[in-house]
């Protein structure tokens, strides 16, 4: 049984203050998380599939946030804006302030903070947002700084509750890969490539990947930037040359890319991405497509397969079971994307 003095309010507040101060100075693993995301309607299906794979939950339509217990770096996704690590929650705002106050949050003296209202929840007028932020900030001991604070706290009104927590903003890493030395005009953009890697390998570093038709290496670069072990291959010497230059440009090992026919590749990876050739010089017959898909089944257990034409019959005939099928459009150009599991 706890001693009565442990329940004394001043002691409890001091203990909580020390715990919260300590939490700001060490790695912690929150389990109640809200992810804020945004996407263009032409990429909505890919965005929703990526979030479903990363966070393990379906994505409600017309909603710009997802709640999950999975801890994912928001910088992994090209669609995530931030992650809110929930500290307090209450159905009433005044109750939320009392909960924040009970945590006795004390920001270290050498650090600054601010509170922001996260507008992706229930809409609130601008002036009211500022009032809500100020009231929450008054519950925190420390130095407030509106521009470039060390710590940002988030305040959000959901449909039936209020939440407060620590904000972790996403860094748009994929943007750094946009202007490669070499690119195909019809190749996957860095944003789409990054999302496809997340669909294929939501576990990240825990799995291995391969891209047997890697082109200029867009998928390779996104996977490597997330710490995923991956290797690439292509039949086109010009593509291989470009991919190697691109890999070296971002500090990656050019030897990860090999020249050759994917039907002759050996080895095995947990996941694969296959972007089937689709320009006028690379029109594939049905038998060529089947050959590539059967070879892919030897090389990986699960795959994301991309094409600009229907592929259901070829996938079924080559032993692939379709788990998800979506489309991504850019103007009049449409890509079909299949997430598949091999049955062989």
C-alpha atoms as a PDB file:
ATOM      1  CA  UNK A   1       0.000   0.000   0.000  1.00  0.00           C
ATOM      2  CA  UNK A   2       1.316   3.493  -0.794  1.00  0.00           C
ATOM      3  CA  UNK A   3       2.254   5.760   2.080  1.00  0.00           C
ATOM      4  CA  UNK A   4      -0.101   8.749   2.600  1.00  0.00           C
ATOM      5  CA  UNK A   5       2.705  11.234   1.950  1.00  0.00           C
ATOM      6  CA  UNK A   6       3.060   9.887  -1.603  1.00  0.00           C
ATOM      7  CA  UNK A   7      -0.435  11.099  -2.374  1.00  0.00           C
ATOM      8  CA  UNK A   8       0.173  14.609  -1.042  1.00  0.00           C
ATOM      9  CA  UNK A   9      -0.505  17.069  -3.871  1.00  0.00           C
ATOM     10  CA  UNK A  10       2.718  19.170  -3.688  1.00  0.00           C
ATOM     11  CA  UNK A  11       4.865  16.049  -3.737  1.00  0.00           C
ATOM     12  CA  UNK A  12       2.859  14.589  -6.628  1.00  0.00           C
ATOM     13  CA  UNK A  13       3.255  17.784  -8.652  1.00  0.00           C
ATOM     14  CA  UNK A  14       6.992  17.886  -8.026  1.00  0.00           C
ATOM     15  CA  UNK A  15       7.355  14.225  -8.988  1.00  0.00           C
ATOM     16  CA  UNK A  16       5.403  14.818 -12.210  1.00  0.00           C
ATOM     17  CA  UNK A  17       7.500  17.922 -12.929  1.00  0.00           C
ATOM     18  CA  UNK A  18      10.704  15.927 -12.617  1.00  0.00           C
ATOM     19  CA  UNK A  19       9.330  13.149 -14.812  1.00  0.00           C
ATOM     20  CA  UNK A  20       8.227  15.569 -17.540  1.00  0.00           C
ATOM     21  CA  UNK A  21      11.548  17.440 -17.434  1.00  0.00           C
ATOM     22  CA  UNK A  22      13.340  14.113 -17.702  1.00  0.00           C
ATOM     23  CA  UNK A  23      11.142  13.112 -20.657  1.00  0.00           C
ATOM     24  CA  UNK A  24      12.302  16.151 -22.631  1.00  0.00           C
ATOM     25  CA  UNK A  25      15.894  15.023 -22.260  1.00  0.00           C
ATOM     26  CA  UNK A  26      15.651  11.332 -23.160  1.00  0.00           C
ATOM     27  CA  UNK A  27      14.122   9.190 -25.830  1.00  0.00           C
ATOM     28  CA  UNK A  28      10.604   8.081 -25.028  1.00  0.00           C
ATOM     29  CA  UNK A  29       8.090   5.872 -26.799  1.00  0.00           C
ATOM     30  CA  UNK A  30       4.572   7.350 -26.859  1.00  0.00           C
ATOM     31  CA  UNK A  31       1.705   5.021 -27.718  1.00  0.00           C
ATOM     32  CA  UNK A  32      -1.207   7.438 -28.274  1.00  0.00           C
ATOM     33  CA  UNK A  33      -0.461   9.254 -31.515  1.00  0.00           C
ATOM     34  CA  UNK A  34      -2.336  11.427 -33.999  1.00  0.00           C
ATOM     35  CA  UNK A  35      -0.932  11.861 -37.510  1.00  0.00           C
ATOM     36  CA  UNK A  36      -1.898  14.854 -39.654  1.00  0.00           C
ATOM     37  CA  UNK A  37      -1.699  14.354 -43.424  1.00  0.00           C
ATOM     38  CA  UNK A  38      -2.576  16.043 -46.722  1.00  0.00           C
ATOM     39  CA  UNK A  39      -2.602  15.001 -50.373  1.00  0.00           C
ATOM     40  CA  UNK A  40      -3.859  16.038 -53.789  1.00  0.00           C
ATOM     41  CA  UNK A  41      -7.021  14.257 -54.919  1.00  0.00           C
ATOM     42  CA  UNK A  42      -5.098  12.618 -57.792  1.00  0.00           C
ATOM     43  CA  UNK A  43      -2.905  10.856 -55.200  1.00  0.00           C
ATOM     44  CA  UNK A  44      -5.550  10.239 -52.550  1.00  0.00           C
ATOM     45  CA  UNK A  45      -5.809   6.487 -53.126  1.00  0.00           C
ATOM     46  CA  UNK A  46      -2.028   6.085 -52.793  1.00  0.00           C
ATOM     47  CA  UNK A  47      -1.958   8.303 -49.711  1.00  0.00           C
ATOM     48  CA  UNK A  48      -4.696   6.276 -48.008  1.00  0.00           C
ATOM     49  CA  UNK A  49      -3.056   2.956 -48.870  1.00  0.00           C
ATOM     50  CA  UNK A  50       0.316   4.154 -47.590  1.00  0.00           C
ATOM     51  CA  UNK A  51      -1.205   5.366 -44.300  1.00  0.00           C
ATOM     52  CA  UNK A  52      -3.124   2.125 -43.907  1.00  0.00           C
ATOM     53  CA  UNK A  53       0.069   0.126 -44.365  1.00  0.00           C
ATOM     54  CA  UNK A  54       2.168   2.325 -42.067  1.00  0.00           C
ATOM     55  CA  UNK A  55      -0.366   2.813 -39.278  1.00  0.00           C
ATOM     56  CA  UNK A  56      -2.383  -0.401 -39.492  1.00  0.00           C
ATOM     57  CA  UNK A  57      -5.764   1.305 -39.648  1.00  0.00           C
ATOM     58  CA  UNK A  58      -8.257   2.257 -42.341  1.00  0.00           C
ATOM     59  CA  UNK A  59      -8.459   5.893 -43.397  1.00  0.00           C
ATOM     60  CA  UNK A  60     -11.869   7.550 -42.968  1.00  0.00           C
ATOM     61  CA  UNK A  61     -12.870   9.687 -45.967  1.00  0.00           C
ATOM     62  CA  UNK A  62     -12.979  13.460 -45.537  1.00  0.00           C
ATOM     63  CA  UNK A  63     -10.660  13.337 -42.517  1.00  0.00           C
ATOM     64  CA  UNK A  64      -7.186  14.862 -42.334  1.00  0.00           C
ATOM     65  CA  UNK A  65      -5.876  12.935 -39.325  1.00  0.00           C
ATOM     66  CA  UNK A  66      -5.440   9.378 -38.099  1.00  0.00           C
ATOM     67  CA  UNK A  67      -5.084   8.077 -34.555  1.00  0.00           C
ATOM     68  CA  UNK A  68      -2.805   5.092 -34.001  1.00  0.00           C
ATOM     69  CA  UNK A  69      -0.608   3.391 -31.436  1.00  0.00           C
ATOM     70  CA  UNK A  70       2.143   2.794 -34.024  1.00  0.00           C
ATOM     71  CA  UNK A  71       5.177   5.026 -33.664  1.00  0.00           C
ATOM     72  CA  UNK A  72       6.194   6.141 -37.175  1.00  0.00           C
ATOM     73  CA  UNK A  73       8.610   8.919 -38.072  1.00  0.00           C
ATOM     74  CA  UNK A  74       6.339  11.380 -39.940  1.00  0.00           C
ATOM     75  CA  UNK A  75       9.243  12.194 -42.273  1.00  0.00           C
ATOM     76  CA  UNK A  76       8.888   8.714 -43.770  1.00  0.00           C
ATOM     77  CA  UNK A  77       5.693   9.690 -45.555  1.00  0.00           C
ATOM     78  CA  UNK A  78       5.452  12.356 -48.272  1.00  0.00           C
ATOM     79  CA  UNK A  79       1.871  12.950 -47.118  1.00  0.00           C
ATOM     80  CA  UNK A  80       2.328  13.327 -43.346  1.00  0.00           C
ATOM     81  CA  UNK A  81       2.645  16.847 -41.959  1.00  0.00           C
ATOM     82  CA  UNK A  82       3.184  16.090 -38.284  1.00  0.00           C
ATOM     83  CA  UNK A  83       2.746  13.629 -35.429  1.00  0.00           C
ATOM     84  CA  UNK A  84       1.036  14.630 -32.188  1.00  0.00           C
ATOM     85  CA  UNK A  85       2.120  12.611 -29.140  1.00  0.00           C
ATOM     86  CA  UNK A  86      -0.895  12.856 -26.850  1.00  0.00           C
ATOM     87  CA  UNK A  87      -0.181  13.849 -23.240  1.00  0.00           C
ATOM     88  CA  UNK A  88      -3.668  14.827 -22.081  1.00  0.00           C
ATOM     89  CA  UNK A  89      -7.244  14.348 -23.268  1.00  0.00           C
ATOM     90  CA  UNK A  90     -10.600  15.549 -21.975  1.00  0.00           C
ATOM     91  CA  UNK A  91     -14.100  16.008 -23.342  1.00  0.00           C
ATOM     92  CA  UNK A  92     -14.157  19.616 -22.091  1.00  0.00           C
ATOM     93  CA  UNK A  93     -11.532  22.282 -22.776  1.00  0.00           C
ATOM     94  CA  UNK A  94     -11.409  23.471 -19.159  1.00  0.00           C
ATOM     95  CA  UNK A  95     -10.975  19.848 -18.113  1.00  0.00           C
ATOM     96  CA  UNK A  96      -8.112  19.530 -20.598  1.00  0.00           C
ATOM     97  CA  UNK A  97      -6.409  22.570 -19.047  1.00  0.00           C
ATOM     98  CA  UNK A  98      -6.743  20.979 -15.620  1.00  0.00           C
ATOM     99  CA  UNK A  99      -5.209  17.775 -16.985  1.00  0.00           C
ATOM    100  CA  UNK A 100      -2.304  19.713 -18.542  1.00  0.00           C
ATOM    101  CA  UNK A 101      -1.786  21.555 -15.269  1.00  0.00           C
ATOM    102  CA  UNK A 102      -1.748  18.269 -13.338  1.00  0.00           C
ATOM    103  CA  UNK A 103       1.175  17.090 -15.461  1.00  0.00           C
ATOM    104  CA  UNK A 104       3.249  19.992 -14.096  1.00  0.00           C
ATOM    105  CA  UNK A 105       5.109  20.352 -17.404  1.00  0.00           C
ATOM    106  CA  UNK A 106       8.352  22.237 -16.918  1.00  0.00           C
ATOM    107  CA  UNK A 107      10.466  23.024 -19.959  1.00  0.00           C
ATOM    108  CA  UNK A 108      14.224  22.991 -19.189  1.00  0.00           C
ATOM    109  CA  UNK A 109      15.693  26.441 -18.640  1.00  0.00           C
ATOM    110  CA  UNK A 110      17.885  26.267 -21.738  1.00  0.00           C
ATOM    111  CA  UNK A 111      14.932  25.483 -24.019  1.00  0.00           C
ATOM    112  CA  UNK A 112      11.864  27.347 -25.303  1.00  0.00           C
ATOM    113  CA  UNK A 113       8.342  26.315 -26.244  1.00  0.00           C
ATOM    114  CA  UNK A 114       5.110  27.353 -27.890  1.00  0.00           C
ATOM    115  CA  UNK A 115       1.587  25.964 -28.229  1.00  0.00           C
ATOM    116  CA  UNK A 116      -0.145  25.713 -31.620  1.00  0.00           C
ATOM    117  CA  UNK A 117      -3.775  24.967 -32.451  1.00  0.00           C
ATOM    118  CA  UNK A 118      -3.916  22.122 -34.991  1.00  0.00           C
ATOM    119  CA  UNK A 119      -6.563  23.198 -37.468  1.00  0.00           C
ATOM    120  CA  UNK A 120      -7.132  19.771 -39.058  1.00  0.00           C
ATOM    121  CA  UNK A 121      -9.530  18.976 -36.219  1.00  0.00           C
ATOM    122  CA  UNK A 122     -12.702  20.976 -35.545  1.00  0.00           C
ATOM    123  CA  UNK A 123     -12.588  24.378 -37.251  1.00  0.00           C
ATOM    124  CA  UNK A 124     -12.069  27.335 -34.971  1.00  0.00           C
ATOM    125  CA  UNK A 125     -11.816  31.080 -35.843  1.00  0.00           C
ATOM    126  CA  UNK A 126      -8.292  32.485 -35.879  1.00  0.00           C
ATOM    127  CA  UNK A 127      -8.707  34.785 -32.849  1.00  0.00           C
ATOM    128  CA  UNK A 128     -10.211  31.956 -30.819  1.00  0.00           C
ATOM    129  CA  UNK A 129      -7.287  29.692 -31.765  1.00  0.00           C
ATOM    130  CA  UNK A 130      -4.840  32.229 -30.309  1.00  0.00           C
ATOM    131  CA  UNK A 131      -6.846  32.446 -27.052  1.00  0.00           C
ATOM    132  CA  UNK A 132      -6.898  28.661 -26.718  1.00  0.00           C
ATOM    133  CA  UNK A 133      -3.137  28.505 -27.329  1.00  0.00           C
ATOM    134  CA  UNK A 134      -2.431  31.171 -24.698  1.00  0.00           C
ATOM    135  CA  UNK A 135      -4.557  29.460 -22.067  1.00  0.00           C
ATOM    136  CA  UNK A 136      -2.819  26.131 -22.638  1.00  0.00           C
ATOM    137  CA  UNK A 137       0.591  27.828 -22.624  1.00  0.00           C
ATOM    138  CA  UNK A 138      -0.151  29.323 -19.206  1.00  0.00           C
ATOM    139  CA  UNK A 139      -0.249  25.764 -17.819  1.00  0.00           C
ATOM    140  CA  UNK A 140       3.392  25.196 -18.795  1.00  0.00           C
ATOM    141  CA  UNK A 141       6.388  26.443 -16.843  1.00  0.00           C
ATOM    142  CA  UNK A 142       9.118  27.716 -19.133  1.00  0.00           C
ATOM    143  CA  UNK A 143      10.126  30.365 -21.652  1.00  0.00           C
ATOM    144  CA  UNK A 144       7.671  30.835 -24.502  1.00  0.00           C
ATOM    145  CA  UNK A 145       8.972  31.709 -27.954  1.00  0.00           C
ATOM    146  CA  UNK A 146       6.725  32.060 -30.973  1.00  0.00           C
ATOM    147  CA  UNK A 147       9.422  31.745 -33.647  1.00  0.00           C
ATOM    148  CA  UNK A 148      11.573  28.607 -33.893  1.00  0.00           C
ATOM    149  CA  UNK A 149      10.950  27.218 -30.390  1.00  0.00           C
ATOM    150  CA  UNK A 150      12.801  24.130 -29.179  1.00  0.00           C
ATOM    151  CA  UNK A 151       9.561  22.347 -28.250  1.00  0.00           C
ATOM    152  CA  UNK A 152       6.148  22.694 -29.875  1.00  0.00           C
ATOM    153  CA  UNK A 153       3.009  21.542 -28.124  1.00  0.00           C
ATOM    154  CA  UNK A 154      -0.170  20.907 -30.074  1.00  0.00           C
ATOM    155  CA  UNK A 155      -3.766  21.546 -29.131  1.00  0.00           C
ATOM    156  CA  UNK A 156      -6.522  19.864 -31.148  1.00  0.00           C
ATOM    157  CA  UNK A 157     -10.287  19.548 -30.943  1.00  0.00           C
ATOM    158  CA  UNK A 158     -11.599  16.263 -32.295  1.00  0.00           C
ATOM    159  CA  UNK A 159     -15.267  15.439 -32.800  1.00  0.00           C
ATOM    160  CA  UNK A 160     -16.016  14.567 -29.163  1.00  0.00           C
ATOM    161  CA  UNK A 161     -12.851  15.417 -27.271  1.00  0.00           C
ATOM    162  CA  UNK A 162      -9.882  17.737 -26.815  1.00  0.00           C
ATOM    163  CA  UNK A 163      -6.274  16.535 -26.956  1.00  0.00           C
ATOM    164  CA  UNK A 164      -2.921  18.085 -26.073  1.00  0.00           C
ATOM    165  CA  UNK A 165       0.571  16.783 -26.764  1.00  0.00           C
ATOM    166  CA  UNK A 166       4.042  17.194 -28.235  1.00  0.00           C
ATOM    167  CA  UNK A 167       4.307  17.981 -31.956  1.00  0.00           C
ATOM    168  CA  UNK A 168       6.899  16.326 -34.205  1.00  0.00           C
ATOM    169  CA  UNK A 169       6.929  17.971 -37.621  1.00  0.00           C
ATOM    170  CA  UNK A 170       7.724  15.968 -40.757  1.00  0.00           C
ATOM    171  CA  UNK A 171      10.790  16.860 -42.782  1.00  0.00           C
ATOM    172  CA  UNK A 172      10.101  16.660 -46.555  1.00  0.00           C
ATOM    173  CA  UNK A 173      13.114  14.452 -47.287  1.00  0.00           C
ATOM    174  CA  UNK A 174      11.712  13.418 -50.665  1.00  0.00           C
ATOM    175  CA  UNK A 175      12.020  17.033 -51.854  1.00  0.00           C
ATOM    176  CA  UNK A 176      15.795  16.735 -51.513  1.00  0.00           C
ATOM    177  CA  UNK A 177      15.671  13.957 -54.121  1.00  0.00           C
ATOM    178  CA  UNK A 178      13.566  15.845 -56.651  1.00  0.00           C
ATOM    179  CA  UNK A 179      16.383  17.343 -58.724  1.00  0.00           C
ATOM    180  CA  UNK A 180      18.563  14.343 -59.486  1.00  0.00           C
ATOM    181  CA  UNK A 181      21.402  14.560 -62.015  1.00  0.00           C
ATOM    182  CA  UNK A 182      19.455  12.107 -64.235  1.00  0.00           C
ATOM    183  CA  UNK A 183      15.704  11.615 -64.584  1.00  0.00           C
ATOM    184  CA  UNK A 184      13.157  10.060 -66.919  1.00  0.00           C
ATOM    185  CA  UNK A 185      10.346  12.426 -67.895  1.00  0.00           C
ATOM    186  CA  UNK A 186       7.902   9.553 -67.317  1.00  0.00           C
ATOM    187  CA  UNK A 187       9.689   8.102 -64.293  1.00  0.00           C
ATOM    188  CA  UNK A 188       8.204   7.946 -60.817  1.00  0.00           C
ATOM    189  CA  UNK A 189       8.443  11.229 -58.940  1.00  0.00           C
ATOM    190  CA  UNK A 190      10.362  11.149 -55.660  1.00  0.00           C
ATOM    191  CA  UNK A 191       7.091  11.665 -53.768  1.00  0.00           C
ATOM    192  CA  UNK A 192       5.317   8.758 -55.471  1.00  0.00           C
ATOM    193  CA  UNK A 193       8.415   6.548 -55.206  1.00  0.00           C
ATOM    194  CA  UNK A 194       8.645   7.205 -51.473  1.00  0.00           C
ATOM    195  CA  UNK A 195       4.991   6.348 -50.905  1.00  0.00           C
ATOM    196  CA  UNK A 196       5.371   3.141 -52.928  1.00  0.00           C
ATOM    197  CA  UNK A 197       8.348   2.078 -50.808  1.00  0.00           C
ATOM    198  CA  UNK A 198       6.205   2.590 -47.692  1.00  0.00           C
ATOM    199  CA  UNK A 199       3.388   0.515 -49.202  1.00  0.00           C
ATOM    200  CA  UNK A 200       5.820  -2.265 -50.065  1.00  0.00           C
ATOM    201  CA  UNK A 201       7.807  -2.177 -46.820  1.00  0.00           C
ATOM    202  CA  UNK A 202       5.942  -0.496 -43.957  1.00  0.00           C
ATOM    203  CA  UNK A 203       8.279  -2.281 -41.523  1.00  0.00           C
ATOM    204  CA  UNK A 204      11.184  -0.198 -42.832  1.00  0.00           C
ATOM    205  CA  UNK A 205      14.640  -1.417 -41.860  1.00  0.00           C
ATOM    206  CA  UNK A 206      13.319  -4.810 -40.748  1.00  0.00           C
ATOM    207  CA  UNK A 207      12.868  -6.046 -44.332  1.00  0.00           C
ATOM    208  CA  UNK A 208      14.988  -6.257 -47.489  1.00  0.00           C
ATOM    209  CA  UNK A 209      13.899  -5.007 -50.907  1.00  0.00           C
ATOM    210  CA  UNK A 210      14.808  -5.180 -54.575  1.00  0.00           C
ATOM    211  CA  UNK A 211      13.868  -3.229 -57.699  1.00  0.00           C
ATOM    212  CA  UNK A 212      14.635  -5.408 -60.757  1.00  0.00           C
ATOM    213  CA  UNK A 213      13.728  -2.659 -63.278  1.00  0.00           C
ATOM    214  CA  UNK A 214      15.089   0.295 -61.332  1.00  0.00           C
ATOM    215  CA  UNK A 215      15.473   2.851 -64.113  1.00  0.00           C
ATOM    216  CA  UNK A 216      17.223   5.946 -62.752  1.00  0.00           C
ATOM    217  CA  UNK A 217      17.005   4.671 -59.179  1.00  0.00           C
ATOM    218  CA  UNK A 218      14.122   6.726 -57.767  1.00  0.00           C
ATOM    219  CA  UNK A 219      12.780   3.862 -55.642  1.00  0.00           C
ATOM    220  CA  UNK A 220      16.295   2.906 -54.525  1.00  0.00           C
ATOM    221  CA  UNK A 221      17.079   6.404 -53.275  1.00  0.00           C
ATOM    222  CA  UNK A 222      13.861   6.695 -51.278  1.00  0.00           C
ATOM    223  CA  UNK A 223      14.335   3.256 -49.709  1.00  0.00           C
ATOM    224  CA  UNK A 224      17.978   3.922 -48.842  1.00  0.00           C
ATOM    225  CA  UNK A 225      17.091   7.280 -47.280  1.00  0.00           C
ATOM    226  CA  UNK A 226      14.810   5.352 -44.895  1.00  0.00           C
ATOM    227  CA  UNK A 227      17.535   2.882 -43.980  1.00  0.00           C
ATOM    228  CA  UNK A 228      16.049   0.000 -45.966  1.00  0.00           C
ATOM    229  CA  UNK A 229      18.437  -2.542 -47.478  1.00  0.00           C
ATOM    230  CA  UNK A 230      17.735  -2.606 -51.232  1.00  0.00           C
ATOM    231  CA  UNK A 231      19.430  -3.495 -54.499  1.00  0.00           C
ATOM    232  CA  UNK A 232      18.515  -2.560 -58.047  1.00  0.00           C
ATOM    233  CA  UNK A 233      18.889  -3.883 -61.578  1.00  0.00           C
ATOM    234  CA  UNK A 234      18.015  -2.793 -65.096  1.00  0.00           C
ATOM    235  CA  UNK A 235      18.442  -4.067 -68.641  1.00  0.00           C
ATOM    236  CA  UNK A 236      19.159  -0.601 -70.043  1.00  0.00           C
ATOM    237  CA  UNK A 237      22.849   0.469 -69.802  1.00  0.00           C
ATOM    238  CA  UNK A 238      21.864   4.152 -69.989  1.00  0.00           C
ATOM    239  CA  UNK A 239      19.482   3.731 -67.065  1.00  0.00           C
ATOM    240  CA  UNK A 240      22.155   1.944 -65.031  1.00  0.00           C
ATOM    241  CA  UNK A 241      24.638   4.710 -65.722  1.00  0.00           C
ATOM    242  CA  UNK A 242      22.119   7.322 -64.608  1.00  0.00           C
ATOM    243  CA  UNK A 243      21.105   5.337 -61.521  1.00  0.00           C
ATOM    244  CA  UNK A 244      24.706   4.977 -60.386  1.00  0.00           C
ATOM    245  CA  UNK A 245      25.363   8.695 -60.788  1.00  0.00           C
ATOM    246  CA  UNK A 246      22.159   9.468 -58.878  1.00  0.00           C
ATOM    247  CA  UNK A 247      23.065   7.106 -56.037  1.00  0.00           C
ATOM    248  CA  UNK A 248      26.537   8.587 -55.693  1.00  0.00           C
ATOM    249  CA  UNK A 249      25.060  12.104 -55.823  1.00  0.00           C
ATOM    250  CA  UNK A 250      23.187  11.351 -52.575  1.00  0.00           C
ATOM    251  CA  UNK A 251      26.063   9.469 -50.970  1.00  0.00           C
ATOM    252  CA  UNK A 252      24.927   5.910 -51.648  1.00  0.00           C
ATOM    253  CA  UNK A 253      26.876   2.956 -53.019  1.00  0.00           C
ATOM    254  CA  UNK A 254      26.656   2.791 -56.830  1.00  0.00           C
ATOM    255  CA  UNK A 255      27.472  -0.924 -56.771  1.00  0.00           C
ATOM    256  CA  UNK A 256      23.977  -1.597 -55.407  1.00  0.00           C
ATOM    257  CA  UNK A 257      22.811  -1.398 -59.039  1.00  0.00           C
ATOM    258  CA  UNK A 258      23.574  -4.148 -61.564  1.00  0.00           C
ATOM    259  CA  UNK A 259      23.116  -4.436 -65.325  1.00  0.00           C
ATOM    260  CA  UNK A 260      21.192  -7.434 -66.588  1.00  0.00           C
ATOM    261  CA  UNK A 261      17.942  -9.200 -67.424  1.00  0.00           C
ATOM    262  CA  UNK A 262      15.685  -9.580 -64.385  1.00  0.00           C
ATOM    263  CA  UNK A 263      14.720 -13.055 -65.630  1.00  0.00           C
ATOM    264  CA  UNK A 264      18.316 -14.125 -64.935  1.00  0.00           C
ATOM    265  CA  UNK A 265      18.618 -12.593 -61.462  1.00  0.00           C
ATOM    266  CA  UNK A 266      19.272 -14.794 -58.449  1.00  0.00           C
ATOM    267  CA  UNK A 267      18.801 -14.219 -54.751  1.00  0.00           C
ATOM    268  CA  UNK A 268      15.738 -13.303 -52.738  1.00  0.00           C
ATOM    269  CA  UNK A 269      14.310 -10.268 -50.914  1.00  0.00           C
ATOM    270  CA  UNK A 270      11.336  -9.852 -48.615  1.00  0.00           C
ATOM    271  CA  UNK A 271       9.694  -7.233 -50.852  1.00  0.00           C
ATOM    272  CA  UNK A 272      10.057  -5.901 -54.382  1.00  0.00           C
ATOM    273  CA  UNK A 273       8.910  -2.988 -56.500  1.00  0.00           C
ATOM    274  CA  UNK A 274       8.460  -3.668 -60.216  1.00  0.00           C
ATOM    275  CA  UNK A 275       7.699  -0.704 -62.467  1.00  0.00           C
ATOM    276  CA  UNK A 276       7.033  -2.330 -65.827  1.00  0.00           C
ATOM    277  CA  UNK A 277       8.501  -0.504 -68.855  1.00  0.00           C
ATOM    278  CA  UNK A 278       5.881   1.633 -70.612  1.00  0.00           C
ATOM    279  CA  UNK A 279       7.387   3.890 -73.276  1.00  0.00           C
ATOM    280  CA  UNK A 280       7.032   3.431 -77.029  1.00  0.00           C
ATOM    281  CA  UNK A 281      10.380   1.639 -77.191  1.00  0.00           C
ATOM    282  CA  UNK A 282       9.450  -0.835 -74.461  1.00  0.00           C
ATOM    283  CA  UNK A 283       6.127  -2.363 -75.516  1.00  0.00           C
ATOM    284  CA  UNK A 284       5.936  -5.751 -73.811  1.00  0.00           C
ATOM    285  CA  UNK A 285       4.030  -8.749 -75.150  1.00  0.00           C
ATOM    286  CA  UNK A 286       1.808 -10.819 -72.892  1.00  0.00           C
ATOM    287  CA  UNK A 287       4.455 -13.545 -72.718  1.00  0.00           C
ATOM    288  CA  UNK A 288       7.177 -11.047 -71.804  1.00  0.00           C
ATOM    289  CA  UNK A 289       4.995  -9.648 -69.017  1.00  0.00           C
ATOM    290  CA  UNK A 290       4.252 -13.141 -67.722  1.00  0.00           C
ATOM    291  CA  UNK A 291       7.939 -14.000 -67.796  1.00  0.00           C
ATOM    292  CA  UNK A 292       8.856 -10.923 -65.760  1.00  0.00           C
ATOM    293  CA  UNK A 293       6.065 -11.506 -63.241  1.00  0.00           C
ATOM    294  CA  UNK A 294       7.043 -15.172 -62.805  1.00  0.00           C
ATOM    295  CA  UNK A 295      10.672 -14.165 -62.294  1.00  0.00           C
ATOM    296  CA  UNK A 296       9.533 -11.609 -59.731  1.00  0.00           C
ATOM    297  CA  UNK A 297       7.842 -14.439 -57.836  1.00  0.00           C
ATOM    298  CA  UNK A 298      11.237 -16.136 -57.461  1.00  0.00           C
ATOM    299  CA  UNK A 299      12.832 -12.938 -56.219  1.00  0.00           C
ATOM    300  CA  UNK A 300      10.353 -11.742 -53.569  1.00  0.00           C
ATOM    301  CA  UNK A 301       7.338 -12.892 -51.545  1.00  0.00           C
ATOM    302  CA  UNK A 302       5.409  -9.605 -51.763  1.00  0.00           C
ATOM    303  CA  UNK A 303       5.593  -6.836 -54.321  1.00  0.00           C
ATOM    304  CA  UNK A 304       4.214  -3.541 -55.492  1.00  0.00           C
ATOM    305  CA  UNK A 305       3.734  -3.798 -59.252  1.00  0.00           C
ATOM    306  CA  UNK A 306       3.185  -0.731 -61.419  1.00  0.00           C
ATOM    307  CA  UNK A 307       1.852  -0.588 -64.949  1.00  0.00           C
ATOM    308  CA  UNK A 308       0.062   1.753 -67.335  1.00  0.00           C
ATOM    309  CA  UNK A 309      -2.252  -0.960 -68.635  1.00  0.00           C
ATOM    310  CA  UNK A 310      -4.538  -3.644 -67.146  1.00  0.00           C
ATOM    311  CA  UNK A 311      -2.567  -6.477 -65.566  1.00  0.00           C
ATOM    312  CA  UNK A 312      -5.033  -8.548 -63.542  1.00  0.00           C
ATOM    313  CA  UNK A 313      -4.957 -11.553 -65.897  1.00  0.00           C
ATOM    314  CA  UNK A 314      -1.151 -11.597 -66.029  1.00  0.00           C
ATOM    315  CA  UNK A 315      -0.905 -11.324 -62.245  1.00  0.00           C
ATOM    316  CA  UNK A 316      -3.306 -14.218 -61.691  1.00  0.00           C
ATOM    317  CA  UNK A 317      -1.603 -16.420 -64.281  1.00  0.00           C
ATOM    318  CA  UNK A 318       1.845 -15.792 -62.797  1.00  0.00           C
ATOM    319  CA  UNK A 319       0.860 -16.697 -59.230  1.00  0.00           C
ATOM    320  CA  UNK A 320       0.310 -13.273 -57.695  1.00  0.00           C
ATOM    321  CA  UNK A 321      -2.677 -12.645 -55.399  1.00  0.00           C
ATOM    322  CA  UNK A 322      -3.869  -9.037 -55.515  1.00  0.00           C
ATOM    323  CA  UNK A 323      -4.294  -7.463 -52.068  1.00  0.00           C
ATOM    324  CA  UNK A 324      -4.927  -3.880 -53.172  1.00  0.00           C
ATOM    325  CA  UNK A 325      -5.330  -2.106 -56.496  1.00  0.00           C
ATOM    326  CA  UNK A 326      -5.277   1.687 -56.836  1.00  0.00           C
ATOM    327  CA  UNK A 327      -4.642   4.284 -59.513  1.00  0.00           C
ATOM    328  CA  UNK A 328      -2.567   7.467 -59.505  1.00  0.00           C
ATOM    329  CA  UNK A 329      -3.181  10.086 -62.187  1.00  0.00           C
ATOM    330  CA  UNK A 330      -1.158  12.977 -63.511  1.00  0.00           C
ATOM    331  CA  UNK A 331      -3.031  14.834 -66.197  1.00  0.00           C
ATOM    332  CA  UNK A 332      -4.051  12.225 -68.761  1.00  0.00           C
ATOM    333  CA  UNK A 333      -1.371   9.778 -67.555  1.00  0.00           C
ATOM    334  CA  UNK A 334      -2.626   7.018 -65.253  1.00  0.00           C
ATOM    335  CA  UNK A 335      -0.594   4.458 -63.340  1.00  0.00           C
ATOM    336  CA  UNK A 336      -2.135   1.278 -61.945  1.00  0.00           C
ATOM    337  CA  UNK A 337      -0.521   0.096 -58.724  1.00  0.00           C
ATOM    338  CA  UNK A 338      -1.046  -3.391 -57.322  1.00  0.00           C
ATOM    339  CA  UNK A 339       0.071  -4.659 -53.926  1.00  0.00           C
ATOM    340  CA  UNK A 340       0.431  -8.407 -54.315  1.00  0.00           C
ATOM    341  CA  UNK A 341       1.492 -11.551 -52.482  1.00  0.00           C
ATOM    342  CA  UNK A 342       3.014 -14.460 -54.362  1.00  0.00           C
ATOM    343  CA  UNK A 343       1.276 -17.817 -54.024  1.00  0.00           C
ATOM    344  CA  UNK A 344       4.037 -20.019 -55.412  1.00  0.00           C
END
